[in-house]
Structures are given as C-alpha cells and as structure tokens.
Amino acid sequence: MSWIKRVRWLNYLIIWIAFCLLSAWFIDWWNEPCYVIAGKAEVASPEIKRAIYKMGPRYAYKLDDGKLYVNKGDKKWLRLRY
C-alpha cells in the first residue's frame, strides 16, 4: 500500500514539473516582442519595408530620421543596416 502512495506522489511531482515548464514557456512566448512599426514607417522607402519584412515579426522596430532601429528584447536599440 505504501508504494502506491509513493507512486501517486511521484505522479503529482511529474505533473507539477510539467506545469512549471509549460508556464515558463508560455511566459517567455507571451513577452516576445511583437511586430511594431512606428507611424512614420508607413511612408518609409521600399528598402526599409523590405528590411523589416526580412527580419520578421519577432522584433520591435522604430524609424528615427530615416534610420531603422531594431530591438531584440534587451532594451538596446540597434541600427539595422539594410
């Protein structure tokens, strides 16, 4: 009888670990930068639009004085050379 209780406890532990891993994955997925384009980017040149399209929707973008910057999530804006 005691080994059944131990197995049940082990099942609960496995379920708890799976829940923690799934919740960590979900939080990481939820905080992923979204596809953000500044208002000026709508009138941007085709080269800038092509560069944004090539980078994909995983990063945040901003357009400042005709220069395109990308943020990969570490709060640092890097100039994108296209």
Foldseek 3Di string as FASTA:
>chain_A
DVVVVVVVVVVVVVVVVVVVVVVVVVVVVVPFQFEEEDPCCVVADPVVVVQSVVVDTRWYWYADPNWIWIDRPPPDTDTDDD
